[in-house]
Every structure is written in structure tokens, then in C-alpha cells.
Amino acid sequence: MITAYLLLLLSGICQGSFGLGYKKYAPLSWEAFWWIYSLFCLLVSIGWAAAAQPELFPLLVQAGFGKLWLPFLCGVVWGVSTIAFSKSVLLIGISLCFGINMGTSAAIGSVLPFCLSGKQPSASSVGFLAGGLLLTLLGIAVITKAGLMKEQAQKSGNTKLGIRLAVISGLCSGIMNVGFDKAAPLGKAAADSTAAAAVQWLPVLTGGMAASILCCTVLLFKKKTWHTFACKGAVGRSGILFLTSLVWLAALALYGIAAKKIGDAGSSICWLIFNALALVVSNLWGLKTGEWKGAQKAKKVLLLGNIIIVASWLLTVQI
């Protein structure tokens, strides 16, 4: 069990850090940047699953469409949300975006697997769940207030749109964990806990990246920005995106392995801890990179909002 929580700690560090790779995308156009990043994410996901699980293709064939379509569909929903997430990081920064996104995502991603488990909840579980959700909503409201205060102090003007995109991405990204949970039959047929995490994530990540690549391809043709792939510095930026995709996959891989080691409740409990750790790490990065420079009062409100959200997760984990 200690090993599982150490893996979860590492996963949270990776999850809170990979957004640094989104802060700049020049000389690529945004759609070119997201297209190549999504392609890298798809390739490393497939590569991880193929390396971890011997005879991966026969396992997927044996599982059949019935066990794959729902995780894939959840991945598609999440994949569309990643576009909103990327735009939000550019508009409001990593710490504010992660605060709103992680709060929303944690509520959706931990509660839905619990509600869809088919088990009859106890009165105490319902009470903890309701209290946790109310605290989460309060925390998101406080963090949103911090963002509006920061906008006023820094005169940035993009905060409201960035907040809306962060909420949308959080609502959809929570569905990602539902897909992982619903792909559990694949994990049970895998060779070990590492392979189980890999094959459970595969349909979700494939659906997500396929949707993201398709959206970006449409934009590349519409805006005629394919030429930015050949701009000076594009190769270097692509290298950074590849490293970003590895950190992103490491977060999900370590989370998946930890959840499988913890057991049946892993996908609900670990998702809360995973998001809490990522929230703390992303805030440290946001402070280090100067996102809250000149907005000291807003920074204190942000800290309060984060404390409320973490407290809500500690309450919800009791279910």
C-alpha cells in the first residue's frame, strides 16, 4: 500500500507540472502545436500499452466492442475538453486554470464512478458526498474570485473567458476517470498492475487524442496554417512537446498503477488525492513563474480557495 501512495505522489507531481509545456507554442500556430502534441500523446499511449501488455491486440479483440465503446466515448468527451484546457492555460495561467479545472474534475471524476458502481450507498456516504460537493463548489467560487481580483490588479482582460474554459474542461475531464473505471474488465485480463493500467487507459486516451487530432486537422485546413510546421524553431518546440507528452503520460500511468494496487475503491479515492497533489504542484509553478506578480491580495484568496477544495476532497474520500 505504501508503494501505491508513493506512485500516487509522483503522479500528482507530474500532473501538476506538464501544463508548463502549454504556456508557449510559437513558432507553431496553436492548432499545429496541439495537433503534434496530441499525436505524441497518442503514440506514447499506444507504445506504453504495447510494451506493458504481451499480445495486446488479441486482448482487445477478445474484449470486443461491448467493453471498449464506453471508455472510448468518455475519452472523446475528454479529448474535446483538452482544447479548452490548453486555451485556458494560455489565458489565465497554470495555477488559476488548474485550481478551477482540478476542483471541477475531481468532483465529477470521483463521484460518478461511485454513483455508477451499482452499490447501495449508506446514509453517511451520501452525507459525506453532499458535503464534499458543496465545499468543492465553494472552493471553485473562491478561486474564481481570486482570478477576477488578479485580472483587476494586472489589467489582463482575459480572465472571464479563461475561467469559463477551465470549468468546461474540468467538467469533461472528470469523465476521463469514468472511462478508466469502465475499462476495468480490460485491466482484469492484463498481465499485471502496470499492464492493467496501460490497457485500461488505452481506449480512453485513444478516443481523446483522436478527437483532438481531428479538431486540429479541421482548424489547420480552415486557417491554412500547416506551413508553421516548417518554421524556424518548430523542431525545437516539437521536442519540448514530446517531453511534455511523456510527463503527461507518466502522470496517468502512475495514477493508473496506484489505483489498481489500492483496489476496488482506487479509481474514486486516488482521483481525489491525484487532483489534490496536482493542484498544490501547479500552484507552486504558477507562483514561481510570476503569474500572480502584483496581485498579493488575489494570491491570498487563491490559497484560501485551494485549502477549501483540498478540505472538500478529504471529506469526500470518506465515502
C-alpha atoms as a PDB file:
ATOM      1  CA  MET A   1       0.000   0.000   0.000  1.00  0.00           C
ATOM      2  CA  ILE A   2       2.889   2.377   0.755  1.00  0.00           C
ATOM      3  CA  THR A   3       4.213   1.780  -2.757  1.00  0.00           C
ATOM      4  CA  ALA A   4       0.815   2.675  -4.206  1.00  0.00           C
ATOM      5  CA  TYR A   5       0.737   6.022  -2.393  1.00  0.00           C
ATOM      6  CA  LEU A   6       4.330   6.820  -3.386  1.00  0.00           C
ATOM      7  CA  LEU A   7       3.354   6.208  -7.009  1.00  0.00           C
ATOM      8  CA  LEU A   8       0.344   8.450  -6.477  1.00  0.00           C
ATOM      9  CA  LEU A   9       2.621  11.185  -5.110  1.00  0.00           C
ATOM     10  CA  LEU A  10       4.804  11.023  -8.219  1.00  0.00           C
ATOM     11  CA  SER A  11       1.728  11.034 -10.441  1.00  0.00           C
ATOM     12  CA  GLY A  12       0.466  14.217  -8.786  1.00  0.00           C
ATOM     13  CA  ILE A  13       3.832  15.929  -9.301  1.00  0.00           C
ATOM     14  CA  CYS A  14       3.776  15.028 -12.995  1.00  0.00           C
ATOM     15  CA  GLN A  15       0.118  16.069 -13.364  1.00  0.00           C
ATOM     16  CA  GLY A  16       0.771  19.451 -11.779  1.00  0.00           C
ATOM     17  CA  SER A  17       3.844  20.067 -13.949  1.00  0.00           C
ATOM     18  CA  PHE A  18       3.008  19.073 -17.516  1.00  0.00           C
ATOM     19  CA  GLY A  19       0.955  22.255 -18.111  1.00  0.00           C
ATOM     20  CA  LEU A  20       4.231  24.200 -18.218  1.00  0.00           C
ATOM     21  CA  GLY A  21       4.653  22.874 -21.753  1.00  0.00           C
ATOM     22  CA  TYR A  22       1.429  24.641 -22.798  1.00  0.00           C
ATOM     23  CA  LYS A  23       2.461  28.169 -21.865  1.00  0.00           C
ATOM     24  CA  LYS A  24       4.221  28.826 -25.193  1.00  0.00           C
ATOM     25  CA  TYR A  25       3.708  27.371 -28.657  1.00  0.00           C
ATOM     26  CA  ALA A  26       5.467  29.767 -31.083  1.00  0.00           C
ATOM     27  CA  PRO A  27       6.593  29.443 -33.846  1.00  0.00           C
ATOM     28  CA  LEU A  28       3.810  26.904 -34.375  1.00  0.00           C
ATOM     29  CA  SER A  29       0.233  28.076 -34.749  1.00  0.00           C
ATOM     30  CA  TRP A  30      -1.949  26.974 -31.838  1.00  0.00           C
ATOM     31  CA  GLU A  31      -3.700  24.268 -33.888  1.00  0.00           C
ATOM     32  CA  ALA A  32      -0.352  22.964 -35.208  1.00  0.00           C
ATOM     33  CA  PHE A  33       1.037  22.904 -31.668  1.00  0.00           C
ATOM     34  CA  TRP A  34      -1.968  20.967 -30.330  1.00  0.00           C
ATOM     35  CA  TRP A  35      -2.069  18.634 -33.327  1.00  0.00           C
ATOM     36  CA  ILE A  36       1.518  17.472 -32.895  1.00  0.00           C
ATOM     37  CA  TYR A  37       1.188  17.290 -29.102  1.00  0.00           C
ATOM     38  CA  SER A  38      -1.952  15.148 -29.411  1.00  0.00           C
ATOM     39  CA  LEU A  39      -0.169  12.884 -31.897  1.00  0.00           C
ATOM     40  CA  PHE A  40       2.738  12.422 -29.486  1.00  0.00           C
ATOM     41  CA  CYS A  41       0.303  11.616 -26.659  1.00  0.00           C
ATOM     42  CA  LEU A  42      -1.447   9.020 -28.819  1.00  0.00           C
ATOM     43  CA  LEU A  43       1.820   7.378 -29.853  1.00  0.00           C
ATOM     44  CA  VAL A  44       3.288   7.191 -26.355  1.00  0.00           C
ATOM     45  CA  SER A  45      -0.016   5.793 -25.022  1.00  0.00           C
ATOM     46  CA  ILE A  46      -0.051   3.019 -27.611  1.00  0.00           C
ATOM     47  CA  GLY A  47       3.662   2.384 -27.083  1.00  0.00           C
ATOM     48  CA  TRP A  48       3.212   2.066 -23.323  1.00  0.00           C
ATOM     49  CA  ALA A  49       0.297  -0.362 -23.680  1.00  0.00           C
ATOM     50  CA  ALA A  50       2.149  -2.478 -26.265  1.00  0.00           C
ATOM     51  CA  ALA A  51       5.279  -2.640 -24.109  1.00  0.00           C
ATOM     52  CA  ALA A  52       3.407  -3.406 -20.873  1.00  0.00           C
ATOM     53  CA  GLN A  53       0.938  -5.990 -22.165  1.00  0.00           C
ATOM     54  CA  PRO A  54       2.125  -9.003 -24.215  1.00  0.00           C
ATOM     55  CA  GLU A  55      -0.250  -9.781 -27.099  1.00  0.00           C
ATOM     56  CA  LEU A  56      -2.148  -6.532 -26.678  1.00  0.00           C
ATOM     57  CA  PHE A  57      -4.145  -6.813 -29.907  1.00  0.00           C
ATOM     58  CA  PRO A  58      -5.606 -10.267 -29.118  1.00  0.00           C
ATOM     59  CA  LEU A  59      -6.648  -8.984 -25.683  1.00  0.00           C
ATOM     60  CA  LEU A  60      -8.528  -6.057 -27.274  1.00  0.00           C
ATOM     61  CA  VAL A  61     -10.155  -8.333 -29.841  1.00  0.00           C
ATOM     62  CA  GLN A  62     -11.270 -10.702 -27.108  1.00  0.00           C
ATOM     63  CA  ALA A  63     -12.723  -7.805 -25.105  1.00  0.00           C
ATOM     64  CA  GLY A  64     -14.863  -6.830 -28.075  1.00  0.00           C
ATOM     65  CA  PHE A  65     -16.760  -3.668 -28.946  1.00  0.00           C
ATOM     66  CA  GLY A  66     -19.063  -4.006 -25.945  1.00  0.00           C
ATOM     67  CA  LYS A  67     -16.242  -3.356 -23.448  1.00  0.00           C
ATOM     68  CA  LEU A  68     -14.455  -0.716 -25.497  1.00  0.00           C
ATOM     69  CA  TRP A  69     -17.069   1.700 -26.792  1.00  0.00           C
ATOM     70  CA  LEU A  70     -17.927   3.447 -23.489  1.00  0.00           C
ATOM     71  CA  PRO A  71     -14.297   4.079 -22.392  1.00  0.00           C
ATOM     72  CA  PHE A  72     -13.564   5.299 -25.934  1.00  0.00           C
ATOM     73  CA  LEU A  73     -16.573   7.642 -25.866  1.00  0.00           C
ATOM     74  CA  CYS A  74     -15.531   9.001 -22.460  1.00  0.00           C
ATOM     75  CA  GLY A  75     -12.128   9.639 -23.998  1.00  0.00           C
ATOM     76  CA  VAL A  76     -13.677  11.570 -26.890  1.00  0.00           C
ATOM     77  CA  VAL A  77     -15.502  13.844 -24.430  1.00  0.00           C
ATOM     78  CA  TRP A  78     -12.278  14.399 -22.508  1.00  0.00           C
ATOM     79  CA  GLY A  79     -10.310  14.959 -25.745  1.00  0.00           C
ATOM     80  CA  VAL A  80     -12.551  17.844 -26.754  1.00  0.00           C
ATOM     81  CA  SER A  81     -12.111  19.320 -23.263  1.00  0.00           C
ATOM     82  CA  THR A  82      -8.317  19.328 -23.588  1.00  0.00           C
ATOM     83  CA  ILE A  83      -8.645  22.050 -26.212  1.00  0.00           C
ATOM     84  CA  ALA A  84     -10.465  24.250 -23.700  1.00  0.00           C
ATOM     85  CA  PHE A  85      -7.833  23.391 -21.072  1.00  0.00           C
ATOM     86  CA  SER A  86      -4.961  24.407 -23.331  1.00  0.00           C
ATOM     87  CA  LYS A  87      -6.591  27.713 -24.200  1.00  0.00           C
ATOM     88  CA  SER A  88      -7.341  28.365 -20.532  1.00  0.00           C
ATOM     89  CA  VAL A  89      -3.683  27.908 -19.510  1.00  0.00           C
ATOM     90  CA  LEU A  90      -2.682  30.463 -22.135  1.00  0.00           C
ATOM     91  CA  LEU A  91      -5.292  32.968 -20.936  1.00  0.00           C
ATOM     92  CA  ILE A  92      -5.135  32.715 -17.130  1.00  0.00           C
ATOM     93  CA  GLY A  93      -2.007  30.727 -16.291  1.00  0.00           C
ATOM     94  CA  ILE A  94      -1.313  27.302 -14.881  1.00  0.00           C
ATOM     95  CA  SER A  95      -2.222  27.886 -11.212  1.00  0.00           C
ATOM     96  CA  LEU A  96      -5.643  29.505 -11.722  1.00  0.00           C
ATOM     97  CA  CYS A  97      -6.573  27.141 -14.550  1.00  0.00           C
ATOM     98  CA  PHE A  98      -5.566  24.065 -12.549  1.00  0.00           C
ATOM     99  CA  GLY A  99      -7.420  25.296  -9.462  1.00  0.00           C
ATOM    100  CA  ILE A 100     -10.741  25.568 -11.285  1.00  0.00           C
ATOM    101  CA  ASN A 101     -10.145  22.583 -13.560  1.00  0.00           C
ATOM    102  CA  MET A 102      -8.976  20.211 -10.841  1.00  0.00           C
ATOM    103  CA  GLY A 103     -11.765  21.170  -8.460  1.00  0.00           C
ATOM    104  CA  THR A 104     -14.409  20.506 -11.086  1.00  0.00           C
ATOM    105  CA  SER A 105     -12.692  17.411 -12.467  1.00  0.00           C
ATOM    106  CA  ALA A 106     -12.185  15.856  -9.038  1.00  0.00           C
ATOM    107  CA  ALA A 107     -15.862  16.230  -8.185  1.00  0.00           C
ATOM    108  CA  ILE A 108     -17.018  14.644 -11.443  1.00  0.00           C
ATOM    109  CA  GLY A 109     -14.267  12.031 -11.706  1.00  0.00           C
ATOM    110  CA  SER A 110     -14.632  10.689  -8.170  1.00  0.00           C
ATOM    111  CA  VAL A 111     -18.386  10.938  -7.686  1.00  0.00           C
ATOM    112  CA  LEU A 112     -19.552   9.425 -10.986  1.00  0.00           C
ATOM    113  CA  PRO A 113     -17.660   6.104 -10.579  1.00  0.00           C
ATOM    114  CA  PHE A 114     -19.120   5.900  -7.054  1.00  0.00           C
ATOM    115  CA  CYS A 115     -22.669   6.585  -8.290  1.00  0.00           C
ATOM    116  CA  LEU A 116     -22.338   4.242 -11.276  1.00  0.00           C
ATOM    117  CA  SER A 117     -20.925   1.369  -9.224  1.00  0.00           C
ATOM    118  CA  GLY A 118     -24.412  -0.062  -8.658  1.00  0.00           C
ATOM    119  CA  LYS A 119     -23.843  -0.320  -4.901  1.00  0.00           C
ATOM    120  CA  GLN A 120     -26.433   0.979  -2.434  1.00  0.00           C
ATOM    121  CA  PRO A 121     -24.818   3.937  -0.651  1.00  0.00           C
ATOM    122  CA  SER A 122     -25.135   4.332   3.115  1.00  0.00           C
ATOM    123  CA  ALA A 123     -26.627   7.455   4.663  1.00  0.00           C
ATOM    124  CA  SER A 124     -23.189   8.536   5.911  1.00  0.00           C
ATOM    125  CA  SER A 125     -21.689   8.123   2.420  1.00  0.00           C
ATOM    126  CA  VAL A 126     -24.397  10.321   0.924  1.00  0.00           C
ATOM    127  CA  GLY A 127     -23.765  12.915   3.631  1.00  0.00           C
ATOM    128  CA  PHE A 128     -20.014  12.981   3.021  1.00  0.00           C
ATOM    129  CA  LEU A 129     -20.623  13.160  -0.715  1.00  0.00           C
ATOM    130  CA  ALA A 130     -23.058  16.075  -0.473  1.00  0.00           C
ATOM    131  CA  GLY A 131     -20.804  17.960   1.954  1.00  0.00           C
ATOM    132  CA  GLY A 132     -17.753  17.389  -0.206  1.00  0.00           C
ATOM    133  CA  LEU A 133     -19.516  18.639  -3.329  1.00  0.00           C
ATOM    134  CA  LEU A 134     -20.771  21.779  -1.582  1.00  0.00           C
ATOM    135  CA  LEU A 135     -17.269  22.552  -0.310  1.00  0.00           C
ATOM    136  CA  THR A 136     -15.847  21.926  -3.780  1.00  0.00           C
ATOM    137  CA  LEU A 137     -18.289  24.418  -5.306  1.00  0.00           C
ATOM    138  CA  LEU A 138     -17.390  26.955  -2.604  1.00  0.00           C
ATOM    139  CA  GLY A 139     -13.676  26.436  -3.281  1.00  0.00           C
ATOM    140  CA  ILE A 140     -14.156  26.929  -7.021  1.00  0.00           C
ATOM    141  CA  ALA A 141     -16.123  30.127  -6.335  1.00  0.00           C
ATOM    142  CA  VAL A 142     -13.319  31.475  -4.124  1.00  0.00           C
ATOM    143  CA  ILE A 143     -10.648  30.614  -6.715  1.00  0.00           C
ATOM    144  CA  THR A 144     -12.742  32.306  -9.403  1.00  0.00           C
ATOM    145  CA  LYS A 145     -12.914  35.407  -7.211  1.00  0.00           C
ATOM    146  CA  ALA A 146      -9.105  35.301  -6.911  1.00  0.00           C
ATOM    147  CA  GLY A 147      -8.846  35.201 -10.692  1.00  0.00           C
ATOM    148  CA  LEU A 148     -11.087  38.237 -11.099  1.00  0.00           C
ATOM    149  CA  MET A 149      -9.041  40.099  -8.479  1.00  0.00           C
ATOM    150  CA  LYS A 150      -5.853  39.189 -10.347  1.00  0.00           C
ATOM    151  CA  GLU A 151      -7.348  40.446 -13.599  1.00  0.00           C
ATOM    152  CA  GLN A 152      -8.161  43.780 -11.964  1.00  0.00           C
ATOM    153  CA  ALA A 153      -4.678  44.089 -10.456  1.00  0.00           C
ATOM    154  CA  GLN A 154      -2.828  43.086 -13.618  1.00  0.00           C
ATOM    155  CA  LYS A 155      -5.333  44.573 -16.104  1.00  0.00           C
ATOM    156  CA  SER A 156      -5.128  41.412 -18.247  1.00  0.00           C
ATOM    157  CA  GLY A 157      -8.717  41.309 -19.549  1.00  0.00           C
ATOM    158  CA  ASN A 158      -8.808  37.602 -20.456  1.00  0.00           C
ATOM    159  CA  THR A 159      -9.784  36.085 -17.110  1.00  0.00           C
ATOM    160  CA  LYS A 160     -13.526  35.541 -17.584  1.00  0.00           C
ATOM    161  CA  LEU A 161     -13.076  33.584 -20.820  1.00  0.00           C
ATOM    162  CA  GLY A 162     -10.202  31.595 -19.302  1.00  0.00           C
ATOM    163  CA  ILE A 163     -12.315  30.709 -16.259  1.00  0.00           C
ATOM    164  CA  ARG A 164     -15.204  29.528 -18.436  1.00  0.00           C
ATOM    165  CA  LEU A 165     -12.856  27.332 -20.457  1.00  0.00           C
ATOM    166  CA  ALA A 166     -11.321  25.901 -17.260  1.00  0.00           C
ATOM    167  CA  VAL A 167     -14.772  24.976 -15.931  1.00  0.00           C
ATOM    168  CA  ILE A 168     -15.751  23.333 -19.237  1.00  0.00           C
ATOM    169  CA  SER A 169     -12.505  21.372 -19.377  1.00  0.00           C
ATOM    170  CA  GLY A 170     -12.909  20.305 -15.742  1.00  0.00           C
ATOM    171  CA  LEU A 171     -16.454  19.037 -16.295  1.00  0.00           C
ATOM    172  CA  CYS A 172     -15.361  16.999 -19.307  1.00  0.00           C
ATOM    173  CA  SER A 173     -12.027  15.784 -17.940  1.00  0.00           C
ATOM    174  CA  GLY A 174     -13.760  14.205 -14.960  1.00  0.00           C
ATOM    175  CA  ILE A 175     -15.443  11.902 -17.487  1.00  0.00           C
ATOM    176  CA  MET A 176     -11.967  10.606 -18.268  1.00  0.00           C
ATOM    177  CA  ASN A 177     -11.816   8.788 -14.939  1.00  0.00           C
ATOM    178  CA  VAL A 178     -15.242   7.294 -15.590  1.00  0.00           C
ATOM    179  CA  GLY A 179     -13.810   5.805 -18.791  1.00  0.00           C
ATOM    180  CA  PHE A 180     -10.871   4.361 -16.871  1.00  0.00           C
ATOM    181  CA  ASP A 181     -13.230   2.860 -14.320  1.00  0.00           C
ATOM    182  CA  LYS A 182     -15.487   1.357 -17.008  1.00  0.00           C
ATOM    183  CA  ALA A 183     -12.467  -0.215 -18.717  1.00  0.00           C
ATOM    184  CA  ALA A 184     -11.768  -2.307 -15.602  1.00  0.00           C
ATOM    185  CA  PRO A 185     -12.598  -5.625 -17.395  1.00  0.00           C
ATOM    186  CA  LEU A 186      -9.602  -4.976 -19.652  1.00  0.00           C
ATOM    187  CA  GLY A 187      -7.386  -4.465 -16.623  1.00  0.00           C
ATOM    188  CA  LYS A 188      -8.516  -7.719 -15.052  1.00  0.00           C
ATOM    189  CA  ALA A 189      -7.404  -9.612 -18.163  1.00  0.00           C
ATOM    190  CA  ALA A 190      -3.962  -7.935 -18.194  1.00  0.00           C
ATOM    191  CA  ALA A 191      -0.666  -9.474 -17.109  1.00  0.00           C
ATOM    192  CA  ASP A 192      -0.018  -7.321 -14.002  1.00  0.00           C
ATOM    193  CA  SER A 193      -0.914  -3.975 -12.402  1.00  0.00           C
ATOM    194  CA  THR A 194       1.303  -1.989 -14.802  1.00  0.00           C
ATOM    195  CA  ALA A 195      -0.213  -3.685 -17.827  1.00  0.00           C
ATOM    196  CA  ALA A 196      -3.681  -3.324 -16.317  1.00  0.00           C
ATOM    197  CA  ALA A 197      -3.286   0.444 -16.050  1.00  0.00           C
ATOM    198  CA  ALA A 198      -1.936   0.631 -19.603  1.00  0.00           C
ATOM    199  CA  VAL A 199      -4.747  -1.319 -21.255  1.00  0.00           C
ATOM    200  CA  GLN A 200      -7.445   0.409 -19.196  1.00  0.00           C
ATOM    201  CA  TRP A 201      -6.192   3.816 -20.258  1.00  0.00           C
ATOM    202  CA  LEU A 202      -5.707   2.841 -23.900  1.00  0.00           C
ATOM    203  CA  PRO A 203      -9.312   3.161 -25.211  1.00  0.00           C
ATOM    204  CA  VAL A 204      -9.824   6.353 -23.198  1.00  0.00           C
ATOM    205  CA  LEU A 205      -6.632   8.010 -24.412  1.00  0.00           C
ATOM    206  CA  THR A 206      -7.128   6.801 -27.976  1.00  0.00           C
ATOM    207  CA  GLY A 207     -10.612   8.319 -28.069  1.00  0.00           C
ATOM    208  CA  GLY A 208      -9.378  11.567 -26.566  1.00  0.00           C
ATOM    209  CA  MET A 209      -6.391  12.061 -28.806  1.00  0.00           C
ATOM    210  CA  ALA A 210      -8.307  11.008 -31.938  1.00  0.00           C
ATOM    211  CA  ALA A 211     -10.949  13.661 -31.209  1.00  0.00           C
ATOM    212  CA  SER A 212      -8.298  16.281 -30.510  1.00  0.00           C
ATOM    213  CA  ILE A 213      -6.315  15.490 -33.672  1.00  0.00           C
ATOM    214  CA  LEU A 214      -9.487  15.613 -35.779  1.00  0.00           C
ATOM    215  CA  CYS A 215     -10.473  19.030 -34.375  1.00  0.00           C
ATOM    216  CA  CYS A 216      -6.985  20.423 -35.008  1.00  0.00           C
ATOM    217  CA  THR A 217      -6.855  18.987 -38.533  1.00  0.00           C
ATOM    218  CA  VAL A 218     -10.081  20.835 -39.379  1.00  0.00           C
ATOM    219  CA  LEU A 219      -8.600  24.067 -37.988  1.00  0.00           C
ATOM    220  CA  LEU A 220      -5.319  23.593 -39.869  1.00  0.00           C
ATOM    221  CA  PHE A 221      -7.180  23.320 -43.165  1.00  0.00           C
ATOM    222  CA  LYS A 222      -9.580  26.119 -42.297  1.00  0.00           C
ATOM    223  CA  LYS A 223      -6.859  28.563 -41.227  1.00  0.00           C
ATOM    224  CA  LYS A 224      -4.258  27.245 -43.715  1.00  0.00           C
ATOM    225  CA  THR A 225      -1.552  27.096 -41.062  1.00  0.00           C
ATOM    226  CA  TRP A 226       0.142  23.801 -41.994  1.00  0.00           C
ATOM    227  CA  HIS A 227       3.188  25.848 -43.043  1.00  0.00           C
ATOM    228  CA  THR A 228       4.038  26.630 -39.394  1.00  0.00           C
ATOM    229  CA  PHE A 229       5.365  23.065 -39.037  1.00  0.00           C
ATOM    230  CA  ALA A 230       8.276  24.198 -41.230  1.00  0.00           C
ATOM    231  CA  CYS A 231       9.007  27.474 -39.413  1.00  0.00           C
ATOM    232  CA  LYS A 232      12.380  28.049 -37.793  1.00  0.00           C
ATOM    233  CA  GLY A 233      12.302  26.702 -34.245  1.00  0.00           C
ATOM    234  CA  ALA A 234       9.410  24.309 -34.902  1.00  0.00           C
ATOM    235  CA  VAL A 235      11.617  21.251 -34.373  1.00  0.00           C
ATOM    236  CA  GLY A 236      12.805  22.531 -31.005  1.00  0.00           C
ATOM    237  CA  ARG A 237       9.255  23.304 -29.927  1.00  0.00           C
ATOM    238  CA  SER A 238       8.178  19.838 -31.058  1.00  0.00           C
ATOM    239  CA  GLY A 239      10.904  18.343 -28.864  1.00  0.00           C
ATOM    240  CA  ILE A 240       9.520  20.204 -25.857  1.00  0.00           C
ATOM    241  CA  LEU A 241       6.040  18.923 -26.705  1.00  0.00           C
ATOM    242  CA  PHE A 242       7.329  15.351 -26.856  1.00  0.00           C
ATOM    243  CA  LEU A 243       8.827  15.713 -23.370  1.00  0.00           C
ATOM    244  CA  THR A 244       5.535  17.252 -22.208  1.00  0.00           C
ATOM    245  CA  SER A 245       3.628  14.250 -23.563  1.00  0.00           C
ATOM    246  CA  LEU A 246       5.935  11.901 -21.618  1.00  0.00           C
ATOM    247  CA  VAL A 247       5.338  13.805 -18.356  1.00  0.00           C
ATOM    248  CA  TRP A 248       1.584  13.778 -19.067  1.00  0.00           C
ATOM    249  CA  LEU A 249       1.586  10.032 -19.709  1.00  0.00           C
ATOM    250  CA  ALA A 250       3.721   9.410 -16.631  1.00  0.00           C
ATOM    251  CA  ALA A 251       1.047  11.156 -14.539  1.00  0.00           C
ATOM    252  CA  LEU A 252      -1.731   8.931 -15.887  1.00  0.00           C
ATOM    253  CA  ALA A 253       0.386   5.779 -15.874  1.00  0.00           C
ATOM    254  CA  LEU A 254       1.451   6.187 -12.244  1.00  0.00           C
ATOM    255  CA  TYR A 255      -2.086   7.111 -11.226  1.00  0.00           C
ATOM    256  CA  GLY A 256      -3.478   4.047 -13.005  1.00  0.00           C
ATOM    257  CA  ILE A 257      -0.960   1.674 -11.397  1.00  0.00           C
ATOM    258  CA  ALA A 258      -1.620   3.159  -7.942  1.00  0.00           C
ATOM    259  CA  ALA A 259      -5.394   2.873  -8.391  1.00  0.00           C
ATOM    260  CA  LYS A 260      -5.099  -0.783  -9.407  1.00  0.00           C
ATOM    261  CA  LYS A 261      -2.874  -1.543  -6.403  1.00  0.00           C
ATOM    262  CA  ILE A 262      -5.290   0.082  -3.945  1.00  0.00           C
ATOM    263  CA  GLY A 263      -8.256  -1.990  -5.140  1.00  0.00           C
ATOM    264  CA  ASP A 264     -11.937  -1.541  -5.929  1.00  0.00           C
ATOM    265  CA  ALA A 265     -12.241   1.967  -4.480  1.00  0.00           C
ATOM    266  CA  GLY A 266      -8.977   3.093  -6.078  1.00  0.00           C
ATOM    267  CA  SER A 267     -10.475   4.964  -9.016  1.00  0.00           C
ATOM    268  CA  SER A 268     -12.531   7.190  -6.676  1.00  0.00           C
ATOM    269  CA  ILE A 269     -10.092   7.683  -3.783  1.00  0.00           C
ATOM    270  CA  CYS A 270      -6.973   8.045  -5.936  1.00  0.00           C
ATOM    271  CA  TRP A 271      -8.614  10.557  -8.275  1.00  0.00           C
ATOM    272  CA  LEU A 272      -9.192  12.902  -5.345  1.00  0.00           C
ATOM    273  CA  ILE A 273      -5.645  12.582  -3.996  1.00  0.00           C
ATOM    274  CA  PHE A 274      -4.215  12.778  -7.515  1.00  0.00           C
ATOM    275  CA  ASN A 275      -6.005  16.072  -8.197  1.00  0.00           C
ATOM    276  CA  ALA A 276      -5.136  17.483  -4.760  1.00  0.00           C
ATOM    277  CA  LEU A 277      -1.428  16.868  -5.294  1.00  0.00           C
ATOM    278  CA  ALA A 278      -1.571  18.279  -8.821  1.00  0.00           C
ATOM    279  CA  LEU A 279      -3.308  21.390  -7.507  1.00  0.00           C
ATOM    280  CA  VAL A 280      -0.557  22.054  -4.967  1.00  0.00           C
ATOM    281  CA  VAL A 281       2.230  21.481  -7.509  1.00  0.00           C
ATOM    282  CA  SER A 282       0.585  23.642 -10.196  1.00  0.00           C
ATOM    283  CA  ASN A 283       0.208  26.497  -7.711  1.00  0.00           C
ATOM    284  CA  LEU A 284       3.885  26.309  -6.828  1.00  0.00           C
ATOM    285  CA  TRP A 285       4.744  26.503 -10.532  1.00  0.00           C
ATOM    286  CA  GLY A 286       2.326  29.401 -11.000  1.00  0.00           C
ATOM    287  CA  LEU A 287       3.964  31.348  -8.194  1.00  0.00           C
ATOM    288  CA  LYS A 288       7.473  30.524  -9.422  1.00  0.00           C
ATOM    289  CA  THR A 289       6.742  31.685 -12.979  1.00  0.00           C
ATOM    290  CA  GLY A 290       5.309  35.025 -11.782  1.00  0.00           C
ATOM    291  CA  GLU A 291       1.677  34.502 -12.764  1.00  0.00           C
ATOM    292  CA  TRP A 292       0.472  36.319  -9.627  1.00  0.00           C
ATOM    293  CA  LYS A 293       3.014  39.137  -9.667  1.00  0.00           C
ATOM    294  CA  GLY A 294       1.497  42.379  -8.406  1.00  0.00           C
ATOM    295  CA  ALA A 295      -1.649  40.659  -7.132  1.00  0.00           C
ATOM    296  CA  GLN A 296      -0.836  39.848  -3.495  1.00  0.00           C
ATOM    297  CA  LYS A 297      -4.437  40.026  -2.229  1.00  0.00           C
ATOM    298  CA  ALA A 298      -5.619  37.788  -5.040  1.00  0.00           C
ATOM    299  CA  LYS A 299      -2.838  35.320  -4.212  1.00  0.00           C
ATOM    300  CA  LYS A 300      -4.127  35.001  -0.636  1.00  0.00           C
ATOM    301  CA  VAL A 301      -7.673  34.399  -1.879  1.00  0.00           C
ATOM    302  CA  LEU A 302      -6.326  31.734  -4.250  1.00  0.00           C
ATOM    303  CA  LEU A 303      -4.634  29.992  -1.313  1.00  0.00           C
ATOM    304  CA  LEU A 304      -7.898  30.041   0.645  1.00  0.00           C
ATOM    305  CA  GLY A 305      -9.773  28.541  -2.313  1.00  0.00           C
ATOM    306  CA  ASN A 306      -7.215  25.762  -2.646  1.00  0.00           C
ATOM    307  CA  ILE A 307      -7.463  24.954   1.079  1.00  0.00           C
ATOM    308  CA  ILE A 308     -11.255  24.698   0.791  1.00  0.00           C
ATOM    309  CA  ILE A 309     -11.026  22.371  -2.215  1.00  0.00           C
ATOM    310  CA  VAL A 310      -8.477  20.102  -0.538  1.00  0.00           C
ATOM    311  CA  ALA A 311     -10.699  20.006   2.561  1.00  0.00           C
ATOM    312  CA  SER A 312     -13.654  19.017   0.385  1.00  0.00           C
ATOM    313  CA  TRP A 313     -11.672  16.119  -1.063  1.00  0.00           C
ATOM    314  CA  LEU A 314     -10.673  14.942   2.417  1.00  0.00           C
ATOM    315  CA  LEU A 315     -14.375  14.887   3.249  1.00  0.00           C
ATOM    316  CA  THR A 316     -15.425  13.150   0.027  1.00  0.00           C
ATOM    317  CA  VAL A 317     -12.758  10.462   0.387  1.00  0.00           C
ATOM    318  CA  GLN A 318     -14.675   9.196   3.430  1.00  0.00           C
ATOM    319  CA  ILE A 319     -17.357   7.732   1.141  1.00  0.00           C
END
